[in-house]
PDB file of N, CA and C in Angstrom:
ATOM      1  N   MET A   1      19.453 -19.662  59.594  1.00  0.00           N
ATOM      2  CA  MET A   1      19.689 -19.629  58.170  1.00  0.00           C
ATOM      3  C   MET A   1      21.198 -19.468  57.972  1.00  0.00           C
ATOM      4  N   THR A   2      21.746 -20.315  57.148  1.00  0.00           N
ATOM      5  CA  THR A   2      23.192 -20.263  56.917  1.00  0.00           C
ATOM      6  C   THR A   2      23.532 -19.179  55.903  1.00  0.00           C
ATOM      7  N   ARG A   3      24.776 -18.877  55.857  1.00  0.00           N
ATOM      8  CA  ARG A   3      25.236 -17.819  54.965  1.00  0.00           C
ATOM      9  C   ARG A   3      24.962 -18.191  53.503  1.00  0.00           C
ATOM     10  N   THR A   4      25.152 -19.437  53.112  1.00  0.00           N
ATOM     11  CA  THR A   4      24.907 -19.891  51.751  1.00  0.00           C
ATOM     12  C   THR A   4      23.430 -19.783  51.413  1.00  0.00           C
ATOM     13  N   THR A   5      22.596 -20.172  52.328  1.00  0.00           N
ATOM     14  CA  THR A   5      21.147 -20.088  52.100  1.00  0.00           C
ATOM     15  C   THR A   5      20.725 -18.639  51.943  1.00  0.00           C
ATOM     16  N   LEU A   6      21.303 -17.758  52.719  1.00  0.00           N
ATOM     17  CA  LEU A   6      20.995 -16.337  52.623  1.00  0.00           C
ATOM     18  C   LEU A   6      21.385 -15.790  51.246  1.00  0.00           C
ATOM     19  N   TRP A   7      22.578 -16.155  50.767  1.00  0.00           N
ATOM     20  CA  TRP A   7      23.019 -15.688  49.444  1.00  0.00           C
ATOM     21  C   TRP A   7      22.128 -16.231  48.335  1.00  0.00           C
ATOM     22  N   ILE A   8      21.723 -17.466  48.438  1.00  0.00           N
ATOM     23  CA  ILE A   8      20.821 -18.059  47.432  1.00  0.00           C
ATOM     24  C   ILE A   8      19.479 -17.346  47.459  1.00  0.00           C
ATOM     25  N   THR A   9      18.971 -17.050  48.652  1.00  0.00           N
ATOM     26  CA  THR A   9      17.693 -16.351  48.779  1.00  0.00           C
ATOM     27  C   THR A   9      17.780 -14.949  48.174  1.00  0.00           C
ATOM     28  N   VAL A  10      18.854 -14.244  48.471  1.00  0.00           N
ATOM     29  CA  VAL A  10      19.044 -12.894  47.919  1.00  0.00           C
ATOM     30  C   VAL A  10      19.173 -12.969  46.388  1.00  0.00           C
ATOM     31  N   ALA A  11      19.931 -13.909  45.886  1.00  0.00           N
ATOM     32  CA  ALA A  11      20.119 -14.051  44.435  1.00  0.00           C
ATOM     33  C   ALA A  11      18.801 -14.374  43.742  1.00  0.00           C
ATOM     34  N   LEU A  12      18.035 -15.301  44.332  1.00  0.00           N
ATOM     35  CA  LEU A  12      16.746 -15.654  43.729  1.00  0.00           C
ATOM     36  C   LEU A  12      15.765 -14.490  43.800  1.00  0.00           C
ATOM     37  N   THR A  13      15.791 -13.722  44.888  1.00  0.00           N
ATOM     38  CA  THR A  13      14.923 -12.546  45.011  1.00  0.00           C
ATOM     39  C   THR A  13      15.270 -11.521  43.935  1.00  0.00           C
ATOM     40  N   LEU A  14      16.555 -11.261  43.751  1.00  0.00           N
ATOM     41  CA  LEU A  14      16.982 -10.334  42.706  1.00  0.00           C
ATOM     42  C   LEU A  14      16.605 -10.845  41.314  1.00  0.00           C
ATOM     43  N   ALA A  15      16.716 -12.143  41.108  1.00  0.00           N
ATOM     44  CA  ALA A  15      16.345 -12.731  39.820  1.00  0.00           C
ATOM     45  C   ALA A  15      14.849 -12.557  39.565  1.00  0.00           C
ATOM     46  N   VAL A  16      14.040 -12.759  40.598  1.00  0.00           N
ATOM     47  CA  VAL A  16      12.590 -12.595  40.455  1.00  0.00           C
ATOM     48  C   VAL A  16      12.257 -11.136  40.157  1.00  0.00           C
ATOM     49  N   ILE A  17      12.904 -10.214  40.866  1.00  0.00           N
ATOM     50  CA  ILE A  17      12.653  -8.781  40.631  1.00  0.00           C
ATOM     51  C   ILE A  17      13.091  -8.398  39.207  1.00  0.00           C
ATOM     52  N   ALA A  18      14.258  -8.860  38.770  1.00  0.00           N
ATOM     53  CA  ALA A  18      14.732  -8.568  37.422  1.00  0.00           C
ATOM     54  C   ALA A  18      13.787  -9.151  36.380  1.00  0.00           C
ATOM     55  N   SER A  19      13.300 -10.346  36.638  1.00  0.00           N
ATOM     56  CA  SER A  19      12.352 -10.977  35.719  1.00  0.00           C
ATOM     57  C   SER A  19      11.056 -10.182  35.652  1.00  0.00           C
ATOM     58  N   ALA A  20      10.575  -9.695  36.773  1.00  0.00           N
ATOM     59  CA  ALA A  20       9.342  -8.903  36.801  1.00  0.00           C
ATOM     60  C   ALA A  20       9.521  -7.605  36.029  1.00  0.00           C
ATOM     61  N   VAL A  21      10.668  -6.953  36.208  1.00  0.00           N
ATOM     62  CA  VAL A  21      10.934  -5.713  35.477  1.00  0.00           C
ATOM     63  C   VAL A  21      11.014  -5.997  33.980  1.00  0.00           C
ATOM     64  N   ALA A  22      11.631  -7.106  33.606  1.00  0.00           N
ATOM     65  CA  ALA A  22      11.723  -7.477  32.188  1.00  0.00           C
ATOM     66  C   ALA A  22      10.346  -7.739  31.594  1.00  0.00           C
ATOM     67  N   VAL A  23       9.462  -8.374  32.351  1.00  0.00           N
ATOM     68  CA  VAL A  23       8.099  -8.640  31.877  1.00  0.00           C
ATOM     69  C   VAL A  23       7.349  -7.330  31.686  1.00  0.00           C
ATOM     70  N   VAL A  24       7.464  -6.420  32.624  1.00  0.00           N
ATOM     71  CA  VAL A  24       6.786  -5.120  32.513  1.00  0.00           C
ATOM     72  C   VAL A  24       7.321  -4.356  31.303  1.00  0.00           C
ATOM     73  N   HIS A  25       8.633  -4.380  31.106  1.00  0.00           N
ATOM     74  CA  HIS A  25       9.237  -3.687  29.971  1.00  0.00           C
ATOM     75  C   HIS A  25       8.770  -4.308  28.643  1.00  0.00           C
ATOM     76  N   ALA A  26       8.727  -5.631  28.568  1.00  0.00           N
ATOM     77  CA  ALA A  26       8.276  -6.310  27.352  1.00  0.00           C
ATOM     78  C   ALA A  26       6.812  -5.973  27.061  1.00  0.00           C
ATOM     79  N   LYS A  27       5.999  -5.923  28.099  1.00  0.00           N
ATOM     80  CA  LYS A  27       4.580  -5.567  27.921  1.00  0.00           C
ATOM     81  C   LYS A  27       4.459  -4.134  27.414  1.00  0.00           C
ATOM     82  N   TYR A  28       5.276  -3.230  27.918  1.00  0.00           N
ATOM     83  CA  TYR A  28       5.284  -1.833  27.481  1.00  0.00           C
ATOM     84  C   TYR A  28       5.657  -1.742  26.001  1.00  0.00           C
ATOM     85  N   LEU A  29       6.715  -2.455  25.619  1.00  0.00           N
ATOM     86  CA  LEU A  29       7.135  -2.448  24.214  1.00  0.00           C
ATOM     87  C   LEU A  29       6.062  -3.047  23.305  1.00  0.00           C
ATOM     88  N   THR A  30       5.373  -4.063  23.781  1.00  0.00           N
ATOM     89  CA  THR A  30       4.297  -4.678  23.004  1.00  0.00           C
ATOM     90  C   THR A  30       3.161  -3.698  22.787  1.00  0.00           C
ATOM     91  N   ARG A  31       2.811  -2.948  23.810  1.00  0.00           N
ATOM     92  CA  ARG A  31       1.740  -1.956  23.675  1.00  0.00           C
ATOM     93  C   ARG A  31       2.121  -0.854  22.691  1.00  0.00           C
ATOM     94  N   ILE A  32       3.359  -0.412  22.739  1.00  0.00           N
ATOM     95  CA  ILE A  32       3.822   0.606  21.788  1.00  0.00           C
ATOM     96  C   ILE A  32       3.772   0.060  20.359  1.00  0.00           C
ATOM     97  N   ALA A  33       4.243  -1.174  20.184  1.00  0.00           N
ATOM     98  CA  ALA A  33       4.232  -1.782  18.849  1.00  0.00           C
ATOM     99  C   ALA A  33       2.803  -1.959  18.346  1.00  0.00           C
ATOM    100  N   PHE A  34       1.890  -2.348  19.225  1.00  0.00           N
ATOM    101  CA  PHE A  34       0.494  -2.515  18.830  1.00  0.00           C
ATOM    102  C   PHE A  34      -0.126  -1.179  18.446  1.00  0.00           C
ATOM    103  N   SER A  35       0.209  -0.135  19.194  1.00  0.00           N
ATOM    104  CA  SER A  35      -0.286   1.199  18.862  1.00  0.00           C
ATOM    105  C   SER A  35       0.218   1.635  17.488  1.00  0.00           C
ATOM    106  N   ASP A  36       1.495   1.396  17.218  1.00  0.00           N
ATOM    107  CA  ASP A  36       2.053   1.724  15.903  1.00  0.00           C
ATOM    108  C   ASP A  36       1.368   0.916  14.803  1.00  0.00           C
ATOM    109  N   LEU A  37       1.104  -0.345  15.076  1.00  0.00           N
ATOM    110  CA  LEU A  37       0.414  -1.203  14.105  1.00  0.00           C
ATOM    111  C   LEU A  37      -0.977  -0.660  13.785  1.00  0.00           C
ATOM    112  N   GLN A  38      -1.692  -0.231  14.810  1.00  0.00           N
ATOM    113  CA  GLN A  38      -3.033   0.321  14.596  1.00  0.00           C
ATOM    114  C   GLN A  38      -2.973   1.593  13.742  1.00  0.00           C
ATOM    115  N   LYS A  39      -1.985   2.447  13.997  1.00  0.00           N
ATOM    116  CA  LYS A  39      -1.827   3.661  13.197  1.00  0.00           C
ATOM    117  C   LYS A  39      -1.524   3.326  11.738  1.00  0.00           C
ATOM    118  N   LEU A  40      -0.659   2.338  11.527  1.00  0.00           N
ATOM    119  CA  LEU A  40      -0.322   1.938  10.161  1.00  0.00           C
ATOM    120  C   LEU A  40      -1.523   1.327   9.451  1.00  0.00           C
ATOM    121  N   ARG A  41      -2.321   0.569  10.162  1.00  0.00           N
ATOM    122  CA  ARG A  41      -3.538   0.006   9.552  1.00  0.00           C
ATOM    123  C   ARG A  41      -4.516   1.109   9.171  1.00  0.00           C
ATOM    124  N   GLU A  42      -4.623   2.118  10.016  1.00  0.00           N
ATOM    125  CA  GLU A  42      -5.499   3.245   9.711  1.00  0.00           C
ATOM    126  C   GLU A  42      -5.005   3.980   8.470  1.00  0.00           C
ATOM    127  N   GLN A  43      -3.685   4.189   8.373  1.00  0.00           N
ATOM    128  CA  GLN A  43      -3.117   4.822   7.184  1.00  0.00           C
ATOM    129  C   GLN A  43      -3.375   3.980   5.939  1.00  0.00           C
ATOM    130  N   ARG A  44      -3.210   2.667   6.065  1.00  0.00           N
ATOM    131  CA  ARG A  44      -3.458   1.764   4.943  1.00  0.00           C
ATOM    132  C   ARG A  44      -4.898   1.866   4.472  1.00  0.00           C
ATOM    133  N   ASP A  45      -5.830   1.880   5.419  1.00  0.00           N
ATOM    134  CA  ASP A  45      -7.241   1.973   5.064  1.00  0.00           C
ATOM    135  C   ASP A  45      -7.549   3.302   4.373  1.00  0.00           C
ATOM    136  N   THR A  46      -6.959   4.383   4.868  1.00  0.00           N
ATOM    137  CA  THR A  46      -7.158   5.695   4.242  1.00  0.00           C
ATOM    138  C   THR A  46      -6.609   5.694   2.815  1.00  0.00           C
ATOM    139  N   ILE A  47      -5.439   5.112   2.631  1.00  0.00           N
ATOM    140  CA  ILE A  47      -4.833   5.048   1.305  1.00  0.00           C
ATOM    141  C   ILE A  47      -5.660   4.159   0.382  1.00  0.00           C
ATOM    142  N   ASP A  48      -6.200   3.055   0.899  1.00  0.00           N
ATOM    143  CA  ASP A  48      -7.060   2.180   0.089  1.00  0.00           C
ATOM    144  C   ASP A  48      -8.305   2.913  -0.384  1.00  0.00           C
ATOM    145  N   VAL A  49      -8.909   3.698   0.501  1.00  0.00           N
ATOM    146  CA  VAL A  49     -10.103   4.461   0.121  1.00  0.00           C
ATOM    147  C   VAL A  49      -9.749   5.463  -0.972  1.00  0.00           C
ATOM    148  N   GLU A  50      -8.623   6.159  -0.816  1.00  0.00           N
ATOM    149  CA  GLU A  50      -8.182   7.129  -1.827  1.00  0.00           C
ATOM    150  C   GLU A  50      -7.888   6.433  -3.153  1.00  0.00           C
ATOM    151  N   TRP A  51      -7.230   5.272  -3.106  1.00  0.00           N
ATOM    152  CA  TRP A  51      -6.901   4.519  -4.321  1.00  0.00           C
ATOM    153  C   TRP A  51      -8.175   4.109  -5.055  1.00  0.00           C
ATOM    154  N   ASN A  52      -9.152   3.617  -4.325  1.00  0.00           N
ATOM    155  CA  ASN A  52     -10.414   3.219  -4.963  1.00  0.00           C
ATOM    156  C   ASN A  52     -11.126   4.426  -5.561  1.00  0.00           C
ATOM    157  N   ARG A  53     -11.077   5.562  -4.886  1.00  0.00           N
ATOM    158  CA  ARG A  53     -11.691   6.775  -5.418  1.00  0.00           C
ATOM    159  C   ARG A  53     -11.003   7.195  -6.715  1.00  0.00           C
ATOM    160  N   LEU A  54      -9.672   7.121  -6.726  1.00  0.00           N
ATOM    161  CA  LEU A  54      -8.920   7.482  -7.929  1.00  0.00           C
ATOM    162  C   LEU A  54      -9.190   6.518  -9.077  1.00  0.00           C
ATOM    163  N   ARG A  55      -9.340   5.240  -8.780  1.00  0.00           N
ATOM    164  CA  ARG A  55      -9.658   4.268  -9.823  1.00  0.00           C
ATOM    165  C   ARG A  55     -11.026   4.549 -10.429  1.00  0.00           C
ATOM    166  N   LEU A  56     -11.993   4.883  -9.587  1.00  0.00           N
ATOM    167  CA  LEU A  56     -13.321   5.221 -10.100  1.00  0.00           C
ATOM    168  C   LEU A  56     -13.268   6.482 -10.951  1.00  0.00           C
ATOM    169  N   GLU A  57     -12.504   7.470 -10.486  1.00  0.00           N
ATOM    170  CA  GLU A  57     -12.378   8.710 -11.243  1.00  0.00           C
ATOM    171  C   GLU A  57     -11.704   8.456 -12.592  1.00  0.00           C
ATOM    172  N   GLU A  58     -10.665   7.631 -12.589  1.00  0.00           N
ATOM    173  CA  GLU A  58      -9.992   7.298 -13.845  1.00  0.00           C
ATOM    174  C   GLU A  58     -10.940   6.585 -14.797  1.00  0.00           C
ATOM    175  N   ALA A  59     -11.725   5.658 -14.274  1.00  0.00           N
ATOM    176  CA  ALA A  59     -12.683   4.938 -15.121  1.00  0.00           C
ATOM    177  C   ALA A  59     -13.708   5.896 -15.711  1.00  0.00           C
ATOM    178  N   ALA A  60     -14.148   6.851 -14.916  1.00  0.00           N
ATOM    179  CA  ALA A  60     -15.142   7.809 -15.406  1.00  0.00           C
ATOM    180  C   ALA A  60     -14.531   8.739 -16.451  1.00  0.00           C
ATOM    181  N   LEU A  61     -13.270   9.131 -16.254  1.00  0.00           N
ATOM    182  CA  LEU A  61     -12.635  10.070 -17.181  1.00  0.00           C
ATOM    183  C   LEU A  61     -12.163   9.407 -18.473  1.00  0.00           C
ATOM    184  N   SER A  62     -12.023   8.102 -18.472  1.00  0.00           N
ATOM    185  CA  SER A  62     -11.481   7.445 -19.661  1.00  0.00           C
ATOM    186  C   SER A  62     -12.525   6.644 -20.430  1.00  0.00           C
ATOM    187  N   THR A  63     -13.803   6.921 -20.226  1.00  0.00           N
ATOM    188  CA  THR A  63     -14.818   6.211 -20.994  1.00  0.00           C
ATOM    189  C   THR A  63     -14.704   6.620 -22.457  1.00  0.00           C
ATOM    190  N   HIS A  64     -15.093   5.725 -23.339  1.00  0.00           N
ATOM    191  CA  HIS A  64     -14.985   5.969 -24.779  1.00  0.00           C
ATOM    192  C   HIS A  64     -15.766   7.214 -25.189  1.00  0.00           C
ATOM    193  N   VAL A  65     -16.964   7.367 -24.646  1.00  0.00           N
ATOM    194  CA  VAL A  65     -17.804   8.503 -25.002  1.00  0.00           C
ATOM    195  C   VAL A  65     -17.135   9.812 -24.596  1.00  0.00           C
ATOM    196  N   ARG A  66     -16.570   9.873 -23.410  1.00  0.00           N
ATOM    197  CA  ARG A  66     -15.927  11.099 -22.938  1.00  0.00           C
ATOM    198  C   ARG A  66     -14.692  11.425 -23.760  1.00  0.00           C
ATOM    199  N   VAL A  67     -13.876  10.412 -24.059  1.00  0.00           N
ATOM    200  CA  VAL A  67     -12.673  10.637 -24.861  1.00  0.00           C
ATOM    201  C   VAL A  67     -13.052  11.119 -26.249  1.00  0.00           C
ATOM    202  N   GLU A  68     -14.054  10.493 -26.837  1.00  0.00           N
ATOM    203  CA  GLU A  68     -14.479  10.909 -28.169  1.00  0.00           C
ATOM    204  C   GLU A  68     -15.023  12.340 -28.146  1.00  0.00           C
ATOM    205  N   HIS A  69     -15.794  12.692 -27.122  1.00  0.00           N
ATOM    206  CA  HIS A  69     -16.342  14.046 -27.004  1.00  0.00           C
ATOM    207  C   HIS A  69     -15.216  15.076 -26.909  1.00  0.00           C
ATOM    208  N   LYS A  70     -14.220  14.794 -26.064  1.00  0.00           N
ATOM    209  CA  LYS A  70     -13.092  15.721 -25.936  1.00  0.00           C
ATOM    210  C   LYS A  70     -12.328  15.828 -27.252  1.00  0.00           C
ATOM    211  N   ALA A  71     -12.120  14.705 -27.929  1.00  0.00           N
ATOM    212  CA  ALA A  71     -11.381  14.721 -29.196  1.00  0.00           C
ATOM    213  C   ALA A  71     -12.115  15.559 -30.233  1.00  0.00           C
ATOM    214  N   ARG A  72     -13.422  15.398 -30.307  1.00  0.00           N
ATOM    215  CA  ARG A  72     -14.191  16.118 -31.329  1.00  0.00           C
ATOM    216  C   ARG A  72     -14.313  17.610 -31.014  1.00  0.00           C
ATOM    217  N   TYR A  73     -14.740  17.938 -29.801  1.00  0.00           N
ATOM    218  CA  TYR A  73     -15.125  19.319 -29.504  1.00  0.00           C
ATOM    219  C   TYR A  73     -14.002  20.172 -28.918  1.00  0.00           C
ATOM    220  N   GLU A  74     -13.057  19.568 -28.206  1.00  0.00           N
ATOM    221  CA  GLU A  74     -11.974  20.360 -27.628  1.00  0.00           C
ATOM    222  C   GLU A  74     -10.731  20.363 -28.516  1.00  0.00           C
ATOM    223  N   LEU A  75     -10.500  19.262 -29.232  1.00  0.00           N
ATOM    224  CA  LEU A  75      -9.301  19.171 -30.062  1.00  0.00           C
ATOM    225  C   LEU A  75      -9.609  19.271 -31.555  1.00  0.00           C
ATOM    226  N   GLY A  76     -10.877  19.279 -31.920  1.00  0.00           N
ATOM    227  CA  GLY A  76     -11.260  19.405 -33.319  1.00  0.00           C
ATOM    228  C   GLY A  76     -10.930  18.179 -34.157  1.00  0.00           C
ATOM    229  N   MET A  77     -10.838  17.035 -33.535  1.00  0.00           N
ATOM    230  CA  MET A  77     -10.519  15.808 -34.259  1.00  0.00           C
ATOM    231  C   MET A  77     -11.790  15.195 -34.829  1.00  0.00           C
ATOM    232  N   PHE A  78     -11.634  14.336 -35.845  1.00  0.00           N
ATOM    233  CA  PHE A  78     -12.782  13.647 -36.432  1.00  0.00           C
ATOM    234  C   PHE A  78     -12.300  12.324 -36.999  1.00  0.00           C
ATOM    235  N   ALA A  79     -13.247  11.422 -37.200  1.00  0.00           N
ATOM    236  CA  ALA A  79     -12.920  10.135 -37.798  1.00  0.00           C
ATOM    237  C   ALA A  79     -12.655  10.369 -39.288  1.00  0.00           C
ATOM    238  N   PRO A  80     -11.644   9.744 -39.852  1.00  0.00           N
ATOM    239  CA  PRO A  80     -11.340   9.979 -41.263  1.00  0.00           C
ATOM    240  C   PRO A  80     -12.430   9.421 -42.174  1.00  0.00           C
ATOM    241  N   ARG A  81     -12.660  10.124 -43.280  1.00  0.00           N
ATOM    242  CA  ARG A  81     -13.623   9.651 -44.266  1.00  0.00           C
ATOM    243  C   ARG A  81     -12.962   8.547 -45.086  1.00  0.00           C
ATOM    244  N   VAL A  82     -13.759   7.794 -45.804  1.00  0.00           N
ATOM    245  CA  VAL A  82     -13.234   6.676 -46.578  1.00  0.00           C
ATOM    246  C   VAL A  82     -12.190   7.161 -47.587  1.00  0.00           C
ATOM    247  N   GLY A  83     -12.409   8.299 -48.187  1.00  0.00           N
ATOM    248  CA  GLY A  83     -11.465   8.823 -49.170  1.00  0.00           C
ATOM    249  C   GLY A  83     -10.167   9.322 -48.553  1.00  0.00           C
ATOM    250  N   ASP A  84     -10.168   9.572 -47.243  1.00  0.00           N
ATOM    251  CA  ASP A  84      -8.969  10.069 -46.565  1.00  0.00           C
ATOM    252  C   ASP A  84      -8.016   8.955 -46.136  1.00  0.00           C
ATOM    253  N   VAL A  85      -8.474   7.718 -46.227  1.00  0.00           N
ATOM    254  CA  VAL A  85      -7.676   6.588 -45.752  1.00  0.00           C
ATOM    255  C   VAL A  85      -6.833   6.059 -46.901  1.00  0.00           C
ATOM    256  N   LEU A  86      -5.557   5.892 -46.671  1.00  0.00           N
ATOM    257  CA  LEU A  86      -4.639   5.373 -47.662  1.00  0.00           C
ATOM    258  C   LEU A  86      -4.042   4.086 -47.112  1.00  0.00           C
ATOM    259  N   LEU A  87      -4.224   2.989 -47.837  1.00  0.00           N
ATOM    260  CA  LEU A  87      -3.741   1.687 -47.393  1.00  0.00           C
ATOM    261  C   LEU A  87      -2.385   1.430 -48.034  1.00  0.00           C
ATOM    262  N   ILE A  88      -1.385   1.160 -47.234  1.00  0.00           N
ATOM    263  CA  ILE A  88      -0.035   0.882 -47.720  1.00  0.00           C
ATOM    264  C   ILE A  88       0.288  -0.559 -47.359  1.00  0.00           C
ATOM    265  N   GLU A  89       0.633  -1.345 -48.366  1.00  0.00           N
ATOM    266  CA  GLU A  89       0.972  -2.740 -48.132  1.00  0.00           C
ATOM    267  C   GLU A  89       2.494  -2.903 -48.207  1.00  0.00           C
ATOM    268  N   GLU A  90       3.037  -3.654 -47.280  1.00  0.00           N
ATOM    269  CA  GLU A  90       4.467  -3.891 -47.249  1.00  0.00           C
ATOM    270  C   GLU A  90       4.762  -5.138 -48.059  1.00  0.00           C
ATOM    271  N   THR A  91       5.712  -5.064 -48.965  1.00  0.00           N
ATOM    272  CA  THR A  91       6.041  -6.206 -49.813  1.00  0.00           C
ATOM    273  C   THR A  91       7.432  -6.742 -49.534  1.00  0.00           C
ATOM    274  N   GLY A  92       8.108  -6.229 -48.537  1.00  0.00           N
ATOM    275  CA  GLY A  92       9.478  -6.662 -48.231  1.00  0.00           C
ATOM    276  C   GLY A  92       9.513  -7.895 -47.357  1.00  0.00           C
ATOM    277  N   HIS A  93      10.690  -8.287 -46.976  1.00  0.00           N
ATOM    278  CA  HIS A  93      10.950  -9.400 -46.064  1.00  0.00           C
ATOM    279  C   HIS A  93      10.464 -10.726 -46.607  1.00  0.00           C
ATOM    280  N   GLY A  94      10.555 -10.954 -47.890  1.00  0.00           N
ATOM    281  CA  GLY A  94      10.220 -12.250 -48.469  1.00  0.00           C
ATOM    282  C   GLY A  94       8.739 -12.500 -48.656  1.00  0.00           C
ATOM    283  N   HIS A  95       7.899 -11.530 -48.382  1.00  0.00           N
ATOM    284  CA  HIS A  95       6.461 -11.705 -48.591  1.00  0.00           C
ATOM    285  C   HIS A  95       6.064 -11.026 -49.893  1.00  0.00           C
ATOM    286  N   PRO A  96       5.317 -11.710 -50.749  1.00  0.00           N
ATOM    287  CA  PRO A  96       4.944 -11.091 -52.037  1.00  0.00           C
ATOM    288  C   PRO A  96       3.921 -10.001 -51.896  1.00  0.00           C
TER     289      PRO A  96
END
């Protein structure tokens, strides 16, 4: 084996070893990224469940019947009687 052939063999061996280490490192980084992705998906799903629960709760708390009940019994509000309503007509801005 000549000296040039020996140097080429050593260089190619080192290149193969460096390539193998790079592949192992890339695979390691991919696994870490995938693990992080799975954690983020789990967080997203948890937040989605909470959001849907809050939307249902908001819908239940804002029904017309519930709002009217709170207005009448907790705040003492009532619908105005016909005699309590005063109609004001605007006659400005060029409208008769």
